[in-house]
């Protein structure tokens, strides 16, 4: 949510700056010779670029909650209450929004799921989640049921809106090996990444678990695009792969230039 607001503000700033530049350039052109107007426009464009850069540099990210609650105190812990002033977490991992806009966080080392009421600024512990084992990812289906990925036990548990466990998700006896991330598609199929290089698909209707792709380099994150493709981040090779779950083929790979920080054409 914060990133969306920042992006919108910056887009608006750039739009307003461009509009001002065009108006002033038009006025200048009506008063000055063609050559003079050209140089004035160039100068204004440079000013516009500098102003846009300053707008980016002034963007800030605010802490939502967690961290030390007293000066010099521990940054991790387990405390509910006021999200900004009191709440503490212990290695918060994946998060997801429910249909009401509440933020659910996999609190890994507390073996809990925490619920952040973003409107009231309050944090609480979600339901009967005593069976969790290093939860690292959470996701919701269309009926607002919560799925929790457990890294230590290699299992996925499902809970109803009241926090009670809601039936089995995975095949009996099946486990995942060091899973790292999870996402649900529109048909409530679950896709899970494993640090060993696999993406697996779990059909929540039949319970069938099948491999989608192997040979990835320490996959850490996964998302379903509007096109239906899977976007998988590879921590070991510092790139992103786009995978067609129907054909099981990688259709695009970006960030193949190794580790670093470079903006520009995502295909190069």
C-alpha atoms as a PDB file:
ATOM      1  CA  UNK A   1       0.000   0.000   0.000  1.00  0.00           C
ATOM      2  CA  UNK A   2       2.787   2.419   0.878  1.00  0.00           C
ATOM      3  CA  UNK A   3       4.627   1.739  -2.363  1.00  0.00           C
ATOM      4  CA  UNK A   4       1.463   2.432  -4.337  1.00  0.00           C
ATOM      5  CA  UNK A   5       1.027   5.781  -2.622  1.00  0.00           C
ATOM      6  CA  UNK A   6       4.649   6.742  -3.224  1.00  0.00           C
ATOM      7  CA  UNK A   7       4.441   5.771  -6.895  1.00  0.00           C
ATOM      8  CA  UNK A   8       1.207   7.718  -7.376  1.00  0.00           C
ATOM      9  CA  UNK A   9       2.676  10.835  -5.788  1.00  0.00           C
ATOM     10  CA  UNK A  10       5.774  10.662  -7.962  1.00  0.00           C
ATOM     11  CA  UNK A  11       3.751  10.104 -11.137  1.00  0.00           C
ATOM     12  CA  UNK A  12       1.607  13.115 -10.282  1.00  0.00           C
ATOM     13  CA  UNK A  13       4.700  15.213  -9.603  1.00  0.00           C
ATOM     14  CA  UNK A  14       6.250  14.265 -12.928  1.00  0.00           C
ATOM     15  CA  UNK A  15       2.991  14.994 -14.770  1.00  0.00           C
ATOM     16  CA  UNK A  16       2.664  18.422 -13.172  1.00  0.00           C
ATOM     17  CA  UNK A  17       6.295  19.273 -13.895  1.00  0.00           C
ATOM     18  CA  UNK A  18       5.925  18.261 -17.546  1.00  0.00           C
ATOM     19  CA  UNK A  19       2.766  20.353 -17.874  1.00  0.00           C
ATOM     20  CA  UNK A  20       4.517  23.406 -16.402  1.00  0.00           C
ATOM     21  CA  UNK A  21       7.507  22.961 -18.723  1.00  0.00           C
ATOM     22  CA  UNK A  22       5.284  22.795 -21.813  1.00  0.00           C
ATOM     23  CA  UNK A  23       3.317  25.902 -20.844  1.00  0.00           C
ATOM     24  CA  UNK A  24       6.411  27.934 -20.140  1.00  0.00           C
ATOM     25  CA  UNK A  25       8.113  26.748 -23.310  1.00  0.00           C
ATOM     26  CA  UNK A  26       5.071  27.770 -25.357  1.00  0.00           C
ATOM     27  CA  UNK A  27       5.089  31.239 -23.801  1.00  0.00           C
ATOM     28  CA  UNK A  28       8.820  31.581 -24.340  1.00  0.00           C
ATOM     29  CA  UNK A  29       8.555  30.579 -27.975  1.00  0.00           C
ATOM     30  CA  UNK A  30       5.999  33.303 -28.614  1.00  0.00           C
ATOM     31  CA  UNK A  31       8.351  35.970 -27.258  1.00  0.00           C
ATOM     32  CA  UNK A  32      11.813  34.841 -28.274  1.00  0.00           C
ATOM     33  CA  UNK A  33      13.551  33.849 -31.455  1.00  0.00           C
ATOM     34  CA  UNK A  34      13.481  30.206 -32.506  1.00  0.00           C
ATOM     35  CA  UNK A  35      17.075  29.571 -31.365  1.00  0.00           C
ATOM     36  CA  UNK A  36      16.576  31.217 -27.982  1.00  0.00           C
ATOM     37  CA  UNK A  37      13.375  29.278 -27.373  1.00  0.00           C
ATOM     38  CA  UNK A  38      15.137  26.033 -28.166  1.00  0.00           C
ATOM     39  CA  UNK A  39      17.794  26.684 -25.508  1.00  0.00           C
ATOM     40  CA  UNK A  40      15.210  27.766 -22.978  1.00  0.00           C
ATOM     41  CA  UNK A  41      13.202  24.579 -23.529  1.00  0.00           C
ATOM     42  CA  UNK A  42      16.368  22.530 -23.094  1.00  0.00           C
ATOM     43  CA  UNK A  43      17.125  24.260 -19.820  1.00  0.00           C
ATOM     44  CA  UNK A  44      13.607  23.716 -18.542  1.00  0.00           C
ATOM     45  CA  UNK A  45      13.723  20.035 -19.444  1.00  0.00           C
ATOM     46  CA  UNK A  46      16.963  19.695 -17.469  1.00  0.00           C
ATOM     47  CA  UNK A  47      15.319  21.399 -14.504  1.00  0.00           C
ATOM     48  CA  UNK A  48      12.382  19.023 -14.839  1.00  0.00           C
ATOM     49  CA  UNK A  49      14.675  16.010 -14.762  1.00  0.00           C
ATOM     50  CA  UNK A  50      16.479  17.322 -11.684  1.00  0.00           C
ATOM     51  CA  UNK A  51      13.166  17.963  -9.943  1.00  0.00           C
ATOM     52  CA  UNK A  52      11.964  14.443 -10.755  1.00  0.00           C
ATOM     53  CA  UNK A  53      15.179  13.005  -9.371  1.00  0.00           C
ATOM     54  CA  UNK A  54      14.712  15.057  -6.196  1.00  0.00           C
ATOM     55  CA  UNK A  55      11.160  13.730  -5.887  1.00  0.00           C
ATOM     56  CA  UNK A  56      12.480  10.171  -5.996  1.00  0.00           C
ATOM     57  CA  UNK A  57      15.234  10.916  -3.485  1.00  0.00           C
ATOM     58  CA  UNK A  58      12.697  12.387  -1.061  1.00  0.00           C
ATOM     59  CA  UNK A  59      10.467   9.298  -1.090  1.00  0.00           C
ATOM     60  CA  UNK A  60      10.424   7.634   2.328  1.00  0.00           C
ATOM     61  CA  UNK A  61       9.398   4.270   3.759  1.00  0.00           C
ATOM     62  CA  UNK A  62       7.848   4.290   7.208  1.00  0.00           C
ATOM     63  CA  UNK A  63       8.007   1.473   9.746  1.00  0.00           C
ATOM     64  CA  UNK A  64       4.643  -0.191  10.132  1.00  0.00           C
ATOM     65  CA  UNK A  65       5.457  -2.006  13.353  1.00  0.00           C
ATOM     66  CA  UNK A  66       7.961  -4.156  15.215  1.00  0.00           C
ATOM     67  CA  UNK A  67      11.481  -3.460  16.390  1.00  0.00           C
ATOM     68  CA  UNK A  68      12.612  -2.278  19.849  1.00  0.00           C
ATOM     69  CA  UNK A  69       9.866  -0.822  22.029  1.00  0.00           C
ATOM     70  CA  UNK A  70      12.361   0.765  24.427  1.00  0.00           C
ATOM     71  CA  UNK A  71      15.694   2.367  23.664  1.00  0.00           C
ATOM     72  CA  UNK A  72      18.365  -0.312  23.544  1.00  0.00           C
ATOM     73  CA  UNK A  73      15.823  -3.122  23.928  1.00  0.00           C
ATOM     74  CA  UNK A  74      15.586  -6.250  21.771  1.00  0.00           C
ATOM     75  CA  UNK A  75      14.216  -5.841  18.269  1.00  0.00           C
ATOM     76  CA  UNK A  76      12.454  -9.221  18.289  1.00  0.00           C
ATOM     77  CA  UNK A  77       9.825 -10.670  20.592  1.00  0.00           C
ATOM     78  CA  UNK A  78       6.160 -11.564  20.889  1.00  0.00           C
ATOM     79  CA  UNK A  79       3.854  -8.739  21.907  1.00  0.00           C
ATOM     80  CA  UNK A  80       0.373  -7.885  20.604  1.00  0.00           C
ATOM     81  CA  UNK A  81      -1.272  -4.486  20.890  1.00  0.00           C
ATOM     82  CA  UNK A  82      -0.548  -1.145  19.271  1.00  0.00           C
ATOM     83  CA  UNK A  83       1.237  -2.058  16.048  1.00  0.00           C
ATOM     84  CA  UNK A  84       3.662   0.837  15.968  1.00  0.00           C
ATOM     85  CA  UNK A  85       4.290   1.348  19.671  1.00  0.00           C
ATOM     86  CA  UNK A  86       4.040  -2.139  21.214  1.00  0.00           C
ATOM     87  CA  UNK A  87       3.901  -5.025  18.746  1.00  0.00           C
ATOM     88  CA  UNK A  88       6.953  -7.220  18.281  1.00  0.00           C
ATOM     89  CA  UNK A  89       7.684 -10.070  15.880  1.00  0.00           C
ATOM     90  CA  UNK A  90      10.347 -12.737  15.650  1.00  0.00           C
ATOM     91  CA  UNK A  91      11.586 -13.097  12.057  1.00  0.00           C
ATOM     92  CA  UNK A  92       8.422 -12.002  10.204  1.00  0.00           C
ATOM     93  CA  UNK A  93       8.379 -13.635   6.772  1.00  0.00           C
ATOM     94  CA  UNK A  94       5.589 -13.747   4.164  1.00  0.00           C
ATOM     95  CA  UNK A  95       2.441 -11.643   4.390  1.00  0.00           C
ATOM     96  CA  UNK A  96      -0.935 -11.314   2.672  1.00  0.00           C
ATOM     97  CA  UNK A  97      -4.058  -9.150   2.812  1.00  0.00           C
ATOM     98  CA  UNK A  98      -7.488 -10.622   3.494  1.00  0.00           C
ATOM     99  CA  UNK A  99     -10.686  -9.378   1.836  1.00  0.00           C
ATOM    100  CA  UNK A 100     -11.146  -6.751   4.566  1.00  0.00           C
ATOM    101  CA  UNK A 101      -7.681  -5.265   4.157  1.00  0.00           C
ATOM    102  CA  UNK A 102      -6.146  -6.813   7.265  1.00  0.00           C
ATOM    103  CA  UNK A 103      -2.503  -7.814   6.922  1.00  0.00           C
ATOM    104  CA  UNK A 104      -1.580 -11.375   7.945  1.00  0.00           C
ATOM    105  CA  UNK A 105       2.084 -12.063   8.704  1.00  0.00           C
ATOM    106  CA  UNK A 106       3.891 -15.386   9.038  1.00  0.00           C
ATOM    107  CA  UNK A 107       5.784 -14.821  12.298  1.00  0.00           C
ATOM    108  CA  UNK A 108       8.342 -17.556  11.671  1.00  0.00           C
ATOM    109  CA  UNK A 109      10.305 -17.908  14.873  1.00  0.00           C
ATOM    110  CA  UNK A 110       7.264 -17.338  17.082  1.00  0.00           C
ATOM    111  CA  UNK A 111       5.492 -20.143  15.155  1.00  0.00           C
ATOM    112  CA  UNK A 112       2.440 -17.937  14.816  1.00  0.00           C
ATOM    113  CA  UNK A 113       0.397 -15.937  12.341  1.00  0.00           C
ATOM    114  CA  UNK A 114      -0.170 -12.339  13.351  1.00  0.00           C
ATOM    115  CA  UNK A 115      -3.013 -10.116  12.162  1.00  0.00           C
ATOM    116  CA  UNK A 116      -2.469  -6.398  11.674  1.00  0.00           C
ATOM    117  CA  UNK A 117      -5.605  -4.285  11.601  1.00  0.00           C
ATOM    118  CA  UNK A 118      -4.246  -1.494   9.423  1.00  0.00           C
ATOM    119  CA  UNK A 119      -7.192   0.821  10.061  1.00  0.00           C
ATOM    120  CA  UNK A 120      -7.052   0.635  13.862  1.00  0.00           C
ATOM    121  CA  UNK A 121      -3.290   0.172  14.120  1.00  0.00           C
ATOM    122  CA  UNK A 122      -3.613  -2.962  16.241  1.00  0.00           C
ATOM    123  CA  UNK A 123      -1.829  -6.330  16.107  1.00  0.00           C
ATOM    124  CA  UNK A 124      -3.300  -9.625  17.335  1.00  0.00           C
ATOM    125  CA  UNK A 125      -2.484 -13.334  17.138  1.00  0.00           C
ATOM    126  CA  UNK A 126      -4.527 -15.324  14.643  1.00  0.00           C
ATOM    127  CA  UNK A 127      -6.646 -18.275  15.778  1.00  0.00           C
ATOM    128  CA  UNK A 128      -5.579 -21.738  16.859  1.00  0.00           C
ATOM    129  CA  UNK A 129      -2.230 -21.956  15.108  1.00  0.00           C
ATOM    130  CA  UNK A 130      -0.364 -24.082  17.654  1.00  0.00           C
ATOM    131  CA  UNK A 131       0.538 -26.652  14.972  1.00  0.00           C
ATOM    132  CA  UNK A 132       2.625 -24.236  12.972  1.00  0.00           C
ATOM    133  CA  UNK A 133       6.289 -25.040  12.429  1.00  0.00           C
ATOM    134  CA  UNK A 134       8.393 -22.130  11.138  1.00  0.00           C
ATOM    135  CA  UNK A 135       5.682 -20.512   8.968  1.00  0.00           C
ATOM    136  CA  UNK A 136       7.219 -18.579   6.088  1.00  0.00           C
ATOM    137  CA  UNK A 137       4.303 -17.759   3.778  1.00  0.00           C
ATOM    138  CA  UNK A 138       0.567 -17.072   3.952  1.00  0.00           C
ATOM    139  CA  UNK A 139      -2.079 -16.742   1.240  1.00  0.00           C
ATOM    140  CA  UNK A 140      -5.856 -16.461   0.888  1.00  0.00           C
ATOM    141  CA  UNK A 141      -8.253 -18.163  -1.474  1.00  0.00           C
ATOM    142  CA  UNK A 142     -11.434 -16.650  -2.914  1.00  0.00           C
ATOM    143  CA  UNK A 143     -13.479 -17.700   0.135  1.00  0.00           C
ATOM    144  CA  UNK A 144     -11.054 -15.957   2.518  1.00  0.00           C
ATOM    145  CA  UNK A 145      -9.574 -19.161   3.898  1.00  0.00           C
ATOM    146  CA  UNK A 146      -5.991 -18.775   5.034  1.00  0.00           C
ATOM    147  CA  UNK A 147      -3.202 -21.091   3.860  1.00  0.00           C
ATOM    148  CA  UNK A 148       0.020 -21.264   5.867  1.00  0.00           C
ATOM    149  CA  UNK A 149       3.274 -22.735   4.556  1.00  0.00           C
ATOM    150  CA  UNK A 150       5.427 -24.358   7.243  1.00  0.00           C
ATOM    151  CA  UNK A 151       9.113 -24.488   6.420  1.00  0.00           C
ATOM    152  CA  UNK A 152      10.227 -26.844   9.166  1.00  0.00           C
ATOM    153  CA  UNK A 153       7.546 -29.527   8.772  1.00  0.00           C
ATOM    154  CA  UNK A 154       7.169 -29.056   5.000  1.00  0.00           C
ATOM    155  CA  UNK A 155       3.387 -28.844   5.257  1.00  0.00           C
ATOM    156  CA  UNK A 156       0.589 -26.460   4.305  1.00  0.00           C
ATOM    157  CA  UNK A 157      -2.285 -25.907   6.724  1.00  0.00           C
ATOM    158  CA  UNK A 158      -5.597 -24.232   5.926  1.00  0.00           C
ATOM    159  CA  UNK A 159      -7.700 -22.237   8.386  1.00  0.00           C
ATOM    160  CA  UNK A 160     -11.179 -20.772   8.250  1.00  0.00           C
ATOM    161  CA  UNK A 161     -11.940 -17.150   9.104  1.00  0.00           C
ATOM    162  CA  UNK A 162     -12.297 -18.043  12.791  1.00  0.00           C
ATOM    163  CA  UNK A 163      -8.805 -19.486  12.995  1.00  0.00           C
ATOM    164  CA  UNK A 164      -9.809 -23.159  13.107  1.00  0.00           C
ATOM    165  CA  UNK A 165      -8.029 -25.678  10.905  1.00  0.00           C
ATOM    166  CA  UNK A 166     -10.089 -26.437   7.816  1.00  0.00           C
ATOM    167  CA  UNK A 167      -9.325 -29.882   6.421  1.00  0.00           C
ATOM    168  CA  UNK A 168      -6.224 -31.374   4.790  1.00  0.00           C
ATOM    169  CA  UNK A 169      -4.501 -29.609   1.910  1.00  0.00           C
ATOM    170  CA  UNK A 170      -1.638 -31.899   0.932  1.00  0.00           C
ATOM    171  CA  UNK A 171      -1.714 -35.625   0.144  1.00  0.00           C
ATOM    172  CA  UNK A 172      -1.464 -37.873   3.202  1.00  0.00           C
ATOM    173  CA  UNK A 173       2.165 -38.402   4.117  1.00  0.00           C
ATOM    174  CA  UNK A 174       3.472 -35.899   1.567  1.00  0.00           C
ATOM    175  CA  UNK A 175       5.898 -33.200   2.662  1.00  0.00           C
ATOM    176  CA  UNK A 176       7.789 -30.378   1.030  1.00  0.00           C
ATOM    177  CA  UNK A 177      11.553 -30.029   1.463  1.00  0.00           C
ATOM    178  CA  UNK A 178      12.580 -26.653   2.837  1.00  0.00           C
ATOM    179  CA  UNK A 179       9.838 -24.640   1.124  1.00  0.00           C
ATOM    180  CA  UNK A 180      10.409 -20.910   0.787  1.00  0.00           C
ATOM    181  CA  UNK A 181       7.329 -19.290  -0.780  1.00  0.00           C
ATOM    182  CA  UNK A 182       3.757 -19.999  -1.859  1.00  0.00           C
ATOM    183  CA  UNK A 183       1.043 -18.526  -4.072  1.00  0.00           C
ATOM    184  CA  UNK A 184      -2.516 -19.491  -5.075  1.00  0.00           C
ATOM    185  CA  UNK A 185      -3.917 -19.085  -8.583  1.00  0.00           C
ATOM    186  CA  UNK A 186      -7.513 -18.264  -9.522  1.00  0.00           C
ATOM    187  CA  UNK A 187      -8.446 -21.960  -9.410  1.00  0.00           C
ATOM    188  CA  UNK A 188      -7.012 -22.345  -5.887  1.00  0.00           C
ATOM    189  CA  UNK A 189      -4.062 -24.375  -7.091  1.00  0.00           C
ATOM    190  CA  UNK A 190      -1.082 -23.843  -4.805  1.00  0.00           C
ATOM    191  CA  UNK A 191       2.406 -23.290  -6.193  1.00  0.00           C
ATOM    192  CA  UNK A 192       5.319 -23.692  -3.791  1.00  0.00           C
ATOM    193  CA  UNK A 193       9.033 -23.057  -4.226  1.00  0.00           C
ATOM    194  CA  UNK A 194      11.617 -25.273  -2.532  1.00  0.00           C
ATOM    195  CA  UNK A 195      15.139 -24.063  -1.855  1.00  0.00           C
ATOM    196  CA  UNK A 196      16.505 -27.176  -3.595  1.00  0.00           C
ATOM    197  CA  UNK A 197      15.304 -25.841  -6.954  1.00  0.00           C
ATOM    198  CA  UNK A 198      11.741 -27.122  -7.367  1.00  0.00           C
ATOM    199  CA  UNK A 199       8.363 -25.526  -7.959  1.00  0.00           C
ATOM    200  CA  UNK A 200       5.511 -27.848  -7.024  1.00  0.00           C
ATOM    201  CA  UNK A 201       1.797 -27.590  -7.727  1.00  0.00           C
ATOM    202  CA  UNK A 202      -0.847 -28.800  -5.281  1.00  0.00           C
ATOM    203  CA  UNK A 203      -4.419 -29.244  -6.460  1.00  0.00           C
ATOM    204  CA  UNK A 204      -6.539 -28.398  -3.412  1.00  0.00           C
ATOM    205  CA  UNK A 205      -9.532 -30.263  -4.834  1.00  0.00           C
ATOM    206  CA  UNK A 206      -7.862 -33.605  -5.538  1.00  0.00           C
ATOM    207  CA  UNK A 207      -4.910 -33.213  -3.172  1.00  0.00           C
ATOM    208  CA  UNK A 208      -2.560 -34.232  -5.979  1.00  0.00           C
ATOM    209  CA  UNK A 209       0.970 -32.769  -5.772  1.00  0.00           C
ATOM    210  CA  UNK A 210       3.039 -32.600  -8.971  1.00  0.00           C
ATOM    211  CA  UNK A 211       6.371 -30.992  -9.935  1.00  0.00           C
ATOM    212  CA  UNK A 212       6.179 -27.977 -12.240  1.00  0.00           C
ATOM    213  CA  UNK A 213       9.861 -27.277 -12.783  1.00  0.00           C
ATOM    214  CA  UNK A 214      13.207 -28.327 -11.327  1.00  0.00           C
ATOM    215  CA  UNK A 215      16.782 -27.137 -11.587  1.00  0.00           C
ATOM    216  CA  UNK A 216      16.169 -23.640 -10.272  1.00  0.00           C
ATOM    217  CA  UNK A 217      18.876 -21.942  -8.245  1.00  0.00           C
ATOM    218  CA  UNK A 218      17.567 -21.367  -4.726  1.00  0.00           C
ATOM    219  CA  UNK A 219      14.104 -20.005  -5.585  1.00  0.00           C
ATOM    220  CA  UNK A 220      12.915 -17.568  -2.938  1.00  0.00           C
ATOM    221  CA  UNK A 221       9.686 -16.006  -4.195  1.00  0.00           C
ATOM    222  CA  UNK A 222       6.781 -16.782  -6.505  1.00  0.00           C
ATOM    223  CA  UNK A 223       3.790 -14.930  -7.959  1.00  0.00           C
ATOM    224  CA  UNK A 224       1.028 -15.608 -10.482  1.00  0.00           C
ATOM    225  CA  UNK A 225       0.791 -12.987 -13.214  1.00  0.00           C
ATOM    226  CA  UNK A 226      -2.459 -11.902 -14.874  1.00  0.00           C
ATOM    227  CA  UNK A 227      -1.362 -13.904 -17.913  1.00  0.00           C
ATOM    228  CA  UNK A 228      -1.249 -17.073 -15.819  1.00  0.00           C
ATOM    229  CA  UNK A 229       2.534 -17.308 -15.951  1.00  0.00           C
ATOM    230  CA  UNK A 230       4.501 -17.967 -12.792  1.00  0.00           C
ATOM    231  CA  UNK A 231       7.174 -15.439 -11.866  1.00  0.00           C
ATOM    232  CA  UNK A 232       9.914 -17.057  -9.780  1.00  0.00           C
ATOM    233  CA  UNK A 233      12.839 -15.242  -8.192  1.00  0.00           C
ATOM    234  CA  UNK A 234      16.111 -17.169  -7.996  1.00  0.00           C
ATOM    235  CA  UNK A 235      18.277 -16.039  -5.101  1.00  0.00           C
ATOM    236  CA  UNK A 236      21.216 -18.180  -6.152  1.00  0.00           C
ATOM    237  CA  UNK A 237      21.520 -16.744  -9.650  1.00  0.00           C
ATOM    238  CA  UNK A 238      20.065 -13.270  -8.981  1.00  0.00           C
ATOM    239  CA  UNK A 239      17.438 -13.472 -11.711  1.00  0.00           C
ATOM    240  CA  UNK A 240      13.740 -13.909 -12.424  1.00  0.00           C
ATOM    241  CA  UNK A 241      12.148 -16.624 -14.511  1.00  0.00           C
ATOM    242  CA  UNK A 242       8.680 -16.649 -16.036  1.00  0.00           C
ATOM    243  CA  UNK A 243       7.275 -20.168 -16.303  1.00  0.00           C
ATOM    244  CA  UNK A 244       4.216 -21.421 -18.154  1.00  0.00           C
ATOM    245  CA  UNK A 245       2.558 -23.909 -15.772  1.00  0.00           C
ATOM    246  CA  UNK A 246       0.693 -25.522 -18.687  1.00  0.00           C
ATOM    247  CA  UNK A 247       3.698 -26.307 -20.879  1.00  0.00           C
ATOM    248  CA  UNK A 248       6.163 -26.368 -17.943  1.00  0.00           C
ATOM    249  CA  UNK A 249       8.527 -24.238 -20.042  1.00  0.00           C
ATOM    250  CA  UNK A 250      10.485 -21.148 -19.046  1.00  0.00           C
ATOM    251  CA  UNK A 251       9.301 -18.476 -21.466  1.00  0.00           C
ATOM    252  CA  UNK A 252      11.386 -15.552 -20.226  1.00  0.00           C
ATOM    253  CA  UNK A 253      14.414 -14.951 -18.033  1.00  0.00           C
ATOM    254  CA  UNK A 254      15.544 -11.524 -16.849  1.00  0.00           C
ATOM    255  CA  UNK A 255      18.437 -10.323 -14.727  1.00  0.00           C
ATOM    256  CA  UNK A 256      20.975 -12.657 -16.314  1.00  0.00           C
ATOM    257  CA  UNK A 257      23.891 -10.243 -15.895  1.00  0.00           C
ATOM    258  CA  UNK A 258      24.732 -11.424 -12.383  1.00  0.00           C
ATOM    259  CA  UNK A 259      24.344  -9.632  -9.041  1.00  0.00           C
ATOM    260  CA  UNK A 260      24.119  -5.858  -8.964  1.00  0.00           C
ATOM    261  CA  UNK A 261      21.752  -2.908  -9.123  1.00  0.00           C
ATOM    262  CA  UNK A 262      20.906  -1.713 -12.603  1.00  0.00           C
ATOM    263  CA  UNK A 263      17.690  -0.257 -14.007  1.00  0.00           C
ATOM    264  CA  UNK A 264      16.680  -0.322 -17.654  1.00  0.00           C
ATOM    265  CA  UNK A 265      15.533  -2.886 -20.198  1.00  0.00           C
ATOM    266  CA  UNK A 266      14.434  -5.979 -18.265  1.00  0.00           C
ATOM    267  CA  UNK A 267      15.247  -8.220 -21.220  1.00  0.00           C
ATOM    268  CA  UNK A 268      18.927  -7.309 -21.417  1.00  0.00           C
END
